[in-house]
Amino acid sequence: MKITTMIALFAAIASSLVAGETIKFIDTVGEFPIPATAESVRVTEIQSRIQFRIRGAGPVEPVIQKDRNWFIAVVDKDHVWVHLGAGRLFYYSWQSDTKSRSEEWTYPNLGDAKLPKEVEDRLRK
């Protein structure tokens, strides 16, 4: 991902948080609407593993162990963090004007400016 795209992406996240929007945390099976869209986050259990789809995107096979402390954090309609319960975070972002999506694996670096404070706090639990 290009540096300018990353800067714009994190600026968008910061502006949405400053505007007073609340991050929606999902940590259970169900279908959850994404604000300002007709799309949703769908979480299902398949053979003691958790499968997720976010706006139609997500892994083909279930990747989350049911007994892990996993969560999906919907920052806004275009930015979602997924914590698998251990290790890495998965970050989805959509470009509203083109409907294109980018995905990024990252290791949680608590105190990193790009990680929303609410997500960081949840990782500390």
N, C-alpha and C. Protein backbone atom coordinates (compact mmCIF):
# COMPACT_ATOMS: atom_id res chain seq x y z
N MET A 1 0.85 -1.17 0.00
CA MET A 1 0.00 0.00 0.00
C MET A 1 0.90 1.23 0.00
N LYS A 2 0.55 2.19 -0.83
CA LYS A 2 1.35 3.40 -0.95
C LYS A 2 1.24 4.25 0.31
N ILE A 3 2.30 4.98 0.61
CA ILE A 3 2.36 5.83 1.80
C ILE A 3 1.24 6.86 1.77
N THR A 4 1.00 7.49 0.62
CA THR A 4 -0.04 8.53 0.57
C THR A 4 -1.42 7.94 0.85
N THR A 5 -1.65 6.72 0.36
CA THR A 5 -2.94 6.06 0.62
C THR A 5 -3.07 5.78 2.11
N MET A 6 -1.99 5.29 2.75
CA MET A 6 -2.03 4.98 4.18
C MET A 6 -2.28 6.26 4.99
N ILE A 7 -1.62 7.35 4.61
CA ILE A 7 -1.81 8.61 5.34
C ILE A 7 -3.26 9.06 5.24
N ALA A 8 -3.81 9.01 4.02
CA ALA A 8 -5.21 9.41 3.83
C ALA A 8 -6.14 8.51 4.62
N LEU A 9 -5.84 7.23 4.63
CA LEU A 9 -6.66 6.26 5.33
C LEU A 9 -6.69 6.54 6.83
N PHE A 10 -5.55 6.76 7.43
CA PHE A 10 -5.49 7.00 8.86
C PHE A 10 -6.06 8.38 9.22
N ALA A 11 -5.94 9.34 8.31
CA ALA A 11 -6.56 10.63 8.54
C ALA A 11 -8.08 10.49 8.57
N ALA A 12 -8.61 9.65 7.69
CA ALA A 12 -10.07 9.42 7.66
C ALA A 12 -10.52 8.77 8.96
N ILE A 13 -9.75 7.81 9.45
CA ILE A 13 -10.09 7.16 10.71
C ILE A 13 -10.07 8.18 11.84
N ALA A 14 -9.02 8.96 11.90
CA ALA A 14 -8.90 9.96 12.97
C ALA A 14 -10.05 10.96 12.92
N SER A 15 -10.43 11.40 11.72
CA SER A 15 -11.51 12.38 11.62
C SER A 15 -12.84 11.78 12.05
N SER A 16 -13.06 10.50 11.76
CA SER A 16 -14.32 9.89 12.18
C SER A 16 -14.37 9.76 13.70
N LEU A 17 -13.24 9.51 14.32
CA LEU A 17 -13.21 9.39 15.77
C LEU A 17 -13.38 10.75 16.43
N VAL A 18 -12.78 11.77 15.84
CA VAL A 18 -12.92 13.11 16.39
C VAL A 18 -14.37 13.57 16.28
N ALA A 19 -15.05 13.14 15.22
CA ALA A 19 -16.43 13.55 15.02
C ALA A 19 -17.37 12.92 16.03
N GLY A 20 -16.85 12.05 16.89
CA GLY A 20 -17.66 11.49 17.96
C GLY A 20 -18.30 10.15 17.62
N GLU A 21 -17.94 9.57 16.48
CA GLU A 21 -18.49 8.27 16.15
C GLU A 21 -17.91 7.22 17.10
N THR A 22 -18.70 6.22 17.39
CA THR A 22 -18.28 5.17 18.30
C THR A 22 -17.95 3.92 17.51
N ILE A 23 -16.85 3.27 17.85
CA ILE A 23 -16.49 2.01 17.21
C ILE A 23 -17.44 0.94 17.71
N LYS A 24 -17.98 0.15 16.79
CA LYS A 24 -18.88 -0.94 17.16
C LYS A 24 -18.04 -2.22 17.23
N PHE A 25 -18.03 -2.85 18.41
CA PHE A 25 -17.31 -4.10 18.59
C PHE A 25 -18.27 -5.26 18.45
N ILE A 26 -17.86 -6.25 17.69
CA ILE A 26 -18.64 -7.47 17.48
C ILE A 26 -17.81 -8.63 18.01
N ASP A 27 -18.40 -9.45 18.90
CA ASP A 27 -17.67 -10.60 19.43
C ASP A 27 -18.60 -11.78 19.65
N THR A 28 -19.63 -11.85 18.82
CA THR A 28 -20.58 -12.94 18.90
C THR A 28 -21.12 -13.25 17.50
N VAL A 29 -21.75 -14.39 17.38
CA VAL A 29 -22.32 -14.83 16.11
C VAL A 29 -23.57 -13.99 15.82
N GLY A 30 -23.76 -13.63 14.56
CA GLY A 30 -24.95 -12.89 14.15
C GLY A 30 -24.68 -12.09 12.90
N GLU A 31 -25.66 -11.30 12.52
CA GLU A 31 -25.50 -10.38 11.40
C GLU A 31 -25.69 -8.97 11.93
N PHE A 32 -24.74 -8.09 11.61
CA PHE A 32 -24.69 -6.76 12.19
C PHE A 32 -24.61 -5.72 11.08
N PRO A 33 -25.55 -4.78 11.05
CA PRO A 33 -25.53 -3.76 9.99
C PRO A 33 -24.33 -2.83 10.14
N ILE A 34 -23.82 -2.40 9.01
CA ILE A 34 -22.73 -1.42 8.99
C ILE A 34 -23.37 -0.06 8.78
N PRO A 35 -23.12 0.89 9.69
CA PRO A 35 -23.75 2.21 9.58
C PRO A 35 -23.49 2.86 8.22
N ALA A 36 -24.49 3.56 7.72
CA ALA A 36 -24.41 4.33 6.48
C ALA A 36 -24.27 3.46 5.23
N THR A 37 -24.60 2.18 5.34
CA THR A 37 -24.58 1.29 4.18
C THR A 37 -25.77 0.33 4.28
N ALA A 38 -26.01 -0.37 3.20
CA ALA A 38 -27.01 -1.44 3.23
C ALA A 38 -26.32 -2.78 3.45
N GLU A 39 -25.03 -2.73 3.80
CA GLU A 39 -24.23 -3.94 3.95
C GLU A 39 -24.07 -4.30 5.43
N SER A 40 -23.47 -5.48 5.67
CA SER A 40 -23.38 -5.95 7.05
C SER A 40 -22.11 -6.74 7.29
N VAL A 41 -21.89 -7.02 8.58
CA VAL A 41 -20.88 -7.98 9.03
C VAL A 41 -21.65 -9.23 9.42
N ARG A 42 -21.28 -10.36 8.84
CA ARG A 42 -21.95 -11.63 9.15
C ARG A 42 -20.93 -12.53 9.83
N VAL A 43 -21.28 -13.01 11.03
CA VAL A 43 -20.40 -13.89 11.79
C VAL A 43 -21.14 -15.20 12.05
N THR A 44 -20.53 -16.31 11.68
CA THR A 44 -21.14 -17.63 11.87
C THR A 44 -20.15 -18.57 12.54
N GLU A 45 -20.69 -19.63 13.12
CA GLU A 45 -19.85 -20.67 13.72
C GLU A 45 -19.92 -21.90 12.83
N ILE A 46 -18.75 -22.42 12.47
CA ILE A 46 -18.65 -23.62 11.65
C ILE A 46 -17.66 -24.56 12.33
N GLN A 47 -18.14 -25.67 12.84
CA GLN A 47 -17.29 -26.69 13.48
C GLN A 47 -16.36 -26.08 14.53
N SER A 48 -16.93 -25.36 15.48
CA SER A 48 -16.20 -24.74 16.60
C SER A 48 -15.18 -23.69 16.16
N ARG A 49 -15.37 -23.14 14.97
CA ARG A 49 -14.54 -22.04 14.49
C ARG A 49 -15.45 -20.92 14.04
N ILE A 50 -14.93 -19.71 14.06
CA ILE A 50 -15.70 -18.53 13.70
C ILE A 50 -15.33 -18.09 12.29
N GLN A 51 -16.36 -17.90 11.48
CA GLN A 51 -16.20 -17.39 10.11
C GLN A 51 -16.81 -16.00 10.06
N PHE A 52 -16.17 -15.08 9.35
CA PHE A 52 -16.73 -13.74 9.22
C PHE A 52 -16.69 -13.28 7.77
N ARG A 53 -17.67 -12.44 7.44
CA ARG A 53 -17.73 -11.78 6.15
C ARG A 53 -18.08 -10.32 6.44
N ILE A 54 -17.29 -9.42 5.87
CA ILE A 54 -17.49 -7.99 6.07
C ILE A 54 -17.71 -7.38 4.70
N ARG A 55 -18.92 -6.90 4.46
CA ARG A 55 -19.26 -6.34 3.15
C ARG A 55 -18.91 -7.33 2.05
N GLY A 56 -19.10 -8.61 2.32
CA GLY A 56 -18.81 -9.65 1.35
C GLY A 56 -17.37 -10.13 1.33
N ALA A 57 -16.49 -9.50 2.08
CA ALA A 57 -15.07 -9.87 2.11
C ALA A 57 -14.76 -10.66 3.37
N GLY A 58 -13.77 -11.52 3.27
CA GLY A 58 -13.34 -12.29 4.43
C GLY A 58 -12.69 -13.58 3.96
N PRO A 59 -12.11 -14.31 4.89
CA PRO A 59 -11.43 -15.55 4.52
C PRO A 59 -12.42 -16.61 4.03
N VAL A 60 -11.95 -17.47 3.14
CA VAL A 60 -12.79 -18.54 2.61
C VAL A 60 -13.11 -19.56 3.69
N GLU A 61 -12.11 -19.91 4.49
CA GLU A 61 -12.27 -20.88 5.58
C GLU A 61 -12.32 -20.15 6.91
N PRO A 62 -13.05 -20.70 7.90
CA PRO A 62 -13.07 -20.07 9.23
C PRO A 62 -11.67 -20.05 9.84
N VAL A 63 -11.24 -18.90 10.32
CA VAL A 63 -9.88 -18.76 10.82
C VAL A 63 -9.79 -18.49 12.32
N ILE A 64 -10.91 -18.24 12.96
CA ILE A 64 -10.89 -17.87 14.38
C ILE A 64 -11.33 -19.06 15.22
N GLN A 65 -10.54 -19.41 16.23
CA GLN A 65 -10.96 -20.45 17.16
C GLN A 65 -12.03 -19.86 18.08
N LYS A 66 -13.10 -20.62 18.27
CA LYS A 66 -14.26 -20.13 19.02
C LYS A 66 -13.91 -19.66 20.43
N ASP A 67 -13.01 -20.33 21.10
CA ASP A 67 -12.71 -20.01 22.50
C ASP A 67 -11.68 -18.89 22.66
N ARG A 68 -11.27 -18.27 21.58
CA ARG A 68 -10.31 -17.16 21.66
C ARG A 68 -11.03 -15.85 21.96
N ASN A 69 -10.29 -14.87 22.40
CA ASN A 69 -10.84 -13.55 22.71
C ASN A 69 -10.80 -12.67 21.44
N TRP A 70 -11.56 -13.06 20.44
CA TRP A 70 -11.56 -12.38 19.16
C TRP A 70 -12.57 -11.22 19.16
N PHE A 71 -12.41 -10.32 18.20
CA PHE A 71 -13.40 -9.27 17.99
C PHE A 71 -13.25 -8.68 16.60
N ILE A 72 -14.33 -8.05 16.15
CA ILE A 72 -14.35 -7.27 14.92
C ILE A 72 -14.72 -5.86 15.35
N ALA A 73 -13.92 -4.88 14.95
CA ALA A 73 -14.17 -3.49 15.33
C ALA A 73 -14.52 -2.70 14.08
N VAL A 74 -15.78 -2.29 13.98
CA VAL A 74 -16.24 -1.49 12.85
C VAL A 74 -16.04 -0.02 13.23
N VAL A 75 -15.02 0.60 12.63
CA VAL A 75 -14.71 2.00 12.91
C VAL A 75 -15.75 2.89 12.23
N ASP A 76 -15.99 2.62 10.96
CA ASP A 76 -17.02 3.30 10.18
C ASP A 76 -17.30 2.44 8.97
N LYS A 77 -18.06 2.94 8.02
CA LYS A 77 -18.48 2.11 6.89
C LYS A 77 -17.32 1.65 6.01
N ASP A 78 -16.18 2.29 6.10
CA ASP A 78 -15.06 1.96 5.23
C ASP A 78 -13.83 1.41 5.95
N HIS A 79 -13.89 1.25 7.28
CA HIS A 79 -12.70 0.83 8.04
C HIS A 79 -13.07 -0.17 9.13
N VAL A 80 -12.47 -1.37 9.05
CA VAL A 80 -12.79 -2.44 10.00
C VAL A 80 -11.50 -3.16 10.40
N TRP A 81 -11.34 -3.38 11.71
CA TRP A 81 -10.24 -4.16 12.26
C TRP A 81 -10.78 -5.50 12.74
N VAL A 82 -10.01 -6.58 12.52
CA VAL A 82 -10.40 -7.91 13.00
C VAL A 82 -9.24 -8.46 13.83
N HIS A 83 -9.53 -8.84 15.07
CA HIS A 83 -8.53 -9.48 15.93
C HIS A 83 -8.93 -10.94 16.07
N LEU A 84 -8.02 -11.83 15.69
CA LEU A 84 -8.31 -13.26 15.67
C LEU A 84 -8.24 -13.91 17.04
N GLY A 85 -7.93 -13.13 18.06
CA GLY A 85 -7.87 -13.67 19.41
C GLY A 85 -6.45 -13.85 19.91
N ALA A 86 -5.50 -13.82 19.00
CA ALA A 86 -4.08 -13.91 19.34
C ALA A 86 -3.28 -13.45 18.13
N GLY A 87 -2.16 -12.83 18.37
CA GLY A 87 -1.28 -12.46 17.26
C GLY A 87 -1.76 -11.27 16.47
N ARG A 88 -1.84 -11.46 15.17
CA ARG A 88 -2.04 -10.36 14.24
C ARG A 88 -3.46 -9.79 14.22
N LEU A 89 -3.51 -8.57 13.72
CA LEU A 89 -4.78 -7.92 13.42
C LEU A 89 -4.93 -7.90 11.90
N PHE A 90 -6.14 -7.96 11.45
CA PHE A 90 -6.43 -7.84 10.02
C PHE A 90 -7.19 -6.55 9.84
N TYR A 91 -6.79 -5.74 8.87
CA TYR A 91 -7.41 -4.44 8.66
C TYR A 91 -7.98 -4.35 7.25
N TYR A 92 -9.27 -4.08 7.17
CA TYR A 92 -9.94 -3.87 5.90
C TYR A 92 -10.24 -2.39 5.73
N SER A 93 -10.04 -1.88 4.53
CA SER A 93 -10.47 -0.52 4.23
C SER A 93 -11.01 -0.47 2.81
N TRP A 94 -12.04 0.33 2.64
CA TRP A 94 -12.66 0.50 1.34
C TRP A 94 -12.51 1.94 0.91
N GLN A 95 -12.28 2.15 -0.37
CA GLN A 95 -12.28 3.49 -0.95
C GLN A 95 -13.70 3.77 -1.41
N SER A 96 -14.37 4.69 -0.76
CA SER A 96 -15.79 4.94 -1.03
C SER A 96 -16.07 5.30 -2.48
N ASP A 97 -15.17 6.06 -3.08
CA ASP A 97 -15.44 6.53 -4.44
C ASP A 97 -15.28 5.43 -5.49
N THR A 98 -14.46 4.42 -5.23
CA THR A 98 -14.21 3.39 -6.23
C THR A 98 -14.74 2.02 -5.83
N LYS A 99 -15.16 1.87 -4.59
CA LYS A 99 -15.62 0.59 -4.05
C LYS A 99 -14.50 -0.45 -3.98
N SER A 100 -13.25 -0.04 -4.22
CA SER A 100 -12.14 -0.98 -4.12
C SER A 100 -11.77 -1.17 -2.66
N ARG A 101 -11.19 -2.34 -2.36
CA ARG A 101 -10.88 -2.71 -0.98
C ARG A 101 -9.39 -3.01 -0.86
N SER A 102 -8.83 -2.65 0.27
CA SER A 102 -7.47 -3.08 0.57
C SER A 102 -7.51 -3.86 1.88
N GLU A 103 -6.56 -4.76 2.03
CA GLU A 103 -6.47 -5.60 3.21
C GLU A 103 -5.03 -5.58 3.69
N GLU A 104 -4.86 -5.62 4.99
CA GLU A 104 -3.51 -5.55 5.55
C GLU A 104 -3.45 -6.36 6.84
N TRP A 105 -2.47 -7.25 6.93
CA TRP A 105 -2.17 -7.92 8.20
C TRP A 105 -1.17 -7.07 8.94
N THR A 106 -1.36 -6.95 10.23
CA THR A 106 -0.41 -6.19 11.04
C THR A 106 -0.34 -6.80 12.43
N TYR A 107 0.79 -6.66 13.07
CA TYR A 107 0.90 -7.07 14.46
C TYR A 107 0.53 -5.88 15.33
N PRO A 108 -0.26 -6.11 16.38
CA PRO A 108 -0.66 -4.97 17.21
C PRO A 108 0.55 -4.32 17.86
N ASN A 109 0.70 -3.05 17.59
CA ASN A 109 1.76 -2.26 18.21
C ASN A 109 1.06 -1.21 19.06
N LEU A 110 0.81 -1.57 20.32
CA LEU A 110 0.07 -0.68 21.19
C LEU A 110 0.79 0.66 21.30
N GLY A 111 0.05 1.72 21.16
CA GLY A 111 0.63 3.05 21.16
C GLY A 111 0.89 3.58 19.76
N ASP A 112 0.70 2.74 18.74
CA ASP A 112 0.88 3.15 17.36
C ASP A 112 -0.27 4.10 16.99
N ALA A 113 0.06 5.19 16.34
CA ALA A 113 -0.94 6.21 16.01
C ALA A 113 -2.04 5.69 15.09
N LYS A 114 -1.76 4.67 14.29
CA LYS A 114 -2.79 4.23 13.34
C LYS A 114 -3.85 3.33 13.99
N LEU A 115 -3.57 2.82 15.16
CA LEU A 115 -4.52 1.95 15.85
C LEU A 115 -5.48 2.80 16.68
N PRO A 116 -6.80 2.75 16.37
CA PRO A 116 -7.74 3.54 17.17
C PRO A 116 -7.64 3.20 18.66
N LYS A 117 -7.79 4.21 19.50
CA LYS A 117 -7.64 4.03 20.94
C LYS A 117 -8.56 2.95 21.49
N GLU A 118 -9.81 2.90 21.01
CA GLU A 118 -10.76 1.91 21.50
C GLU A 118 -10.29 0.49 21.17
N VAL A 119 -9.70 0.30 20.00
CA VAL A 119 -9.18 -1.01 19.62
C VAL A 119 -7.98 -1.36 20.49
N GLU A 120 -7.10 -0.39 20.69
CA GLU A 120 -5.95 -0.59 21.56
C GLU A 120 -6.39 -0.98 22.97
N ASP A 121 -7.37 -0.26 23.50
CA ASP A 121 -7.88 -0.58 24.85
C ASP A 121 -8.43 -1.99 24.90
N ARG A 122 -9.14 -2.40 23.88
CA ARG A 122 -9.72 -3.75 23.84
C ARG A 122 -8.63 -4.82 23.79
N LEU A 123 -7.54 -4.54 23.09
CA LEU A 123 -6.44 -5.49 23.01
C LEU A 123 -5.72 -5.64 24.35
N ARG A 124 -5.77 -4.62 25.17
CA ARG A 124 -5.11 -4.67 26.49
C ARG A 124 -5.87 -5.54 27.49
N LYS A 125 -7.14 -5.85 27.21
CA LYS A 125 -7.96 -6.65 28.14
C LYS A 125 -7.48 -8.07 28.21
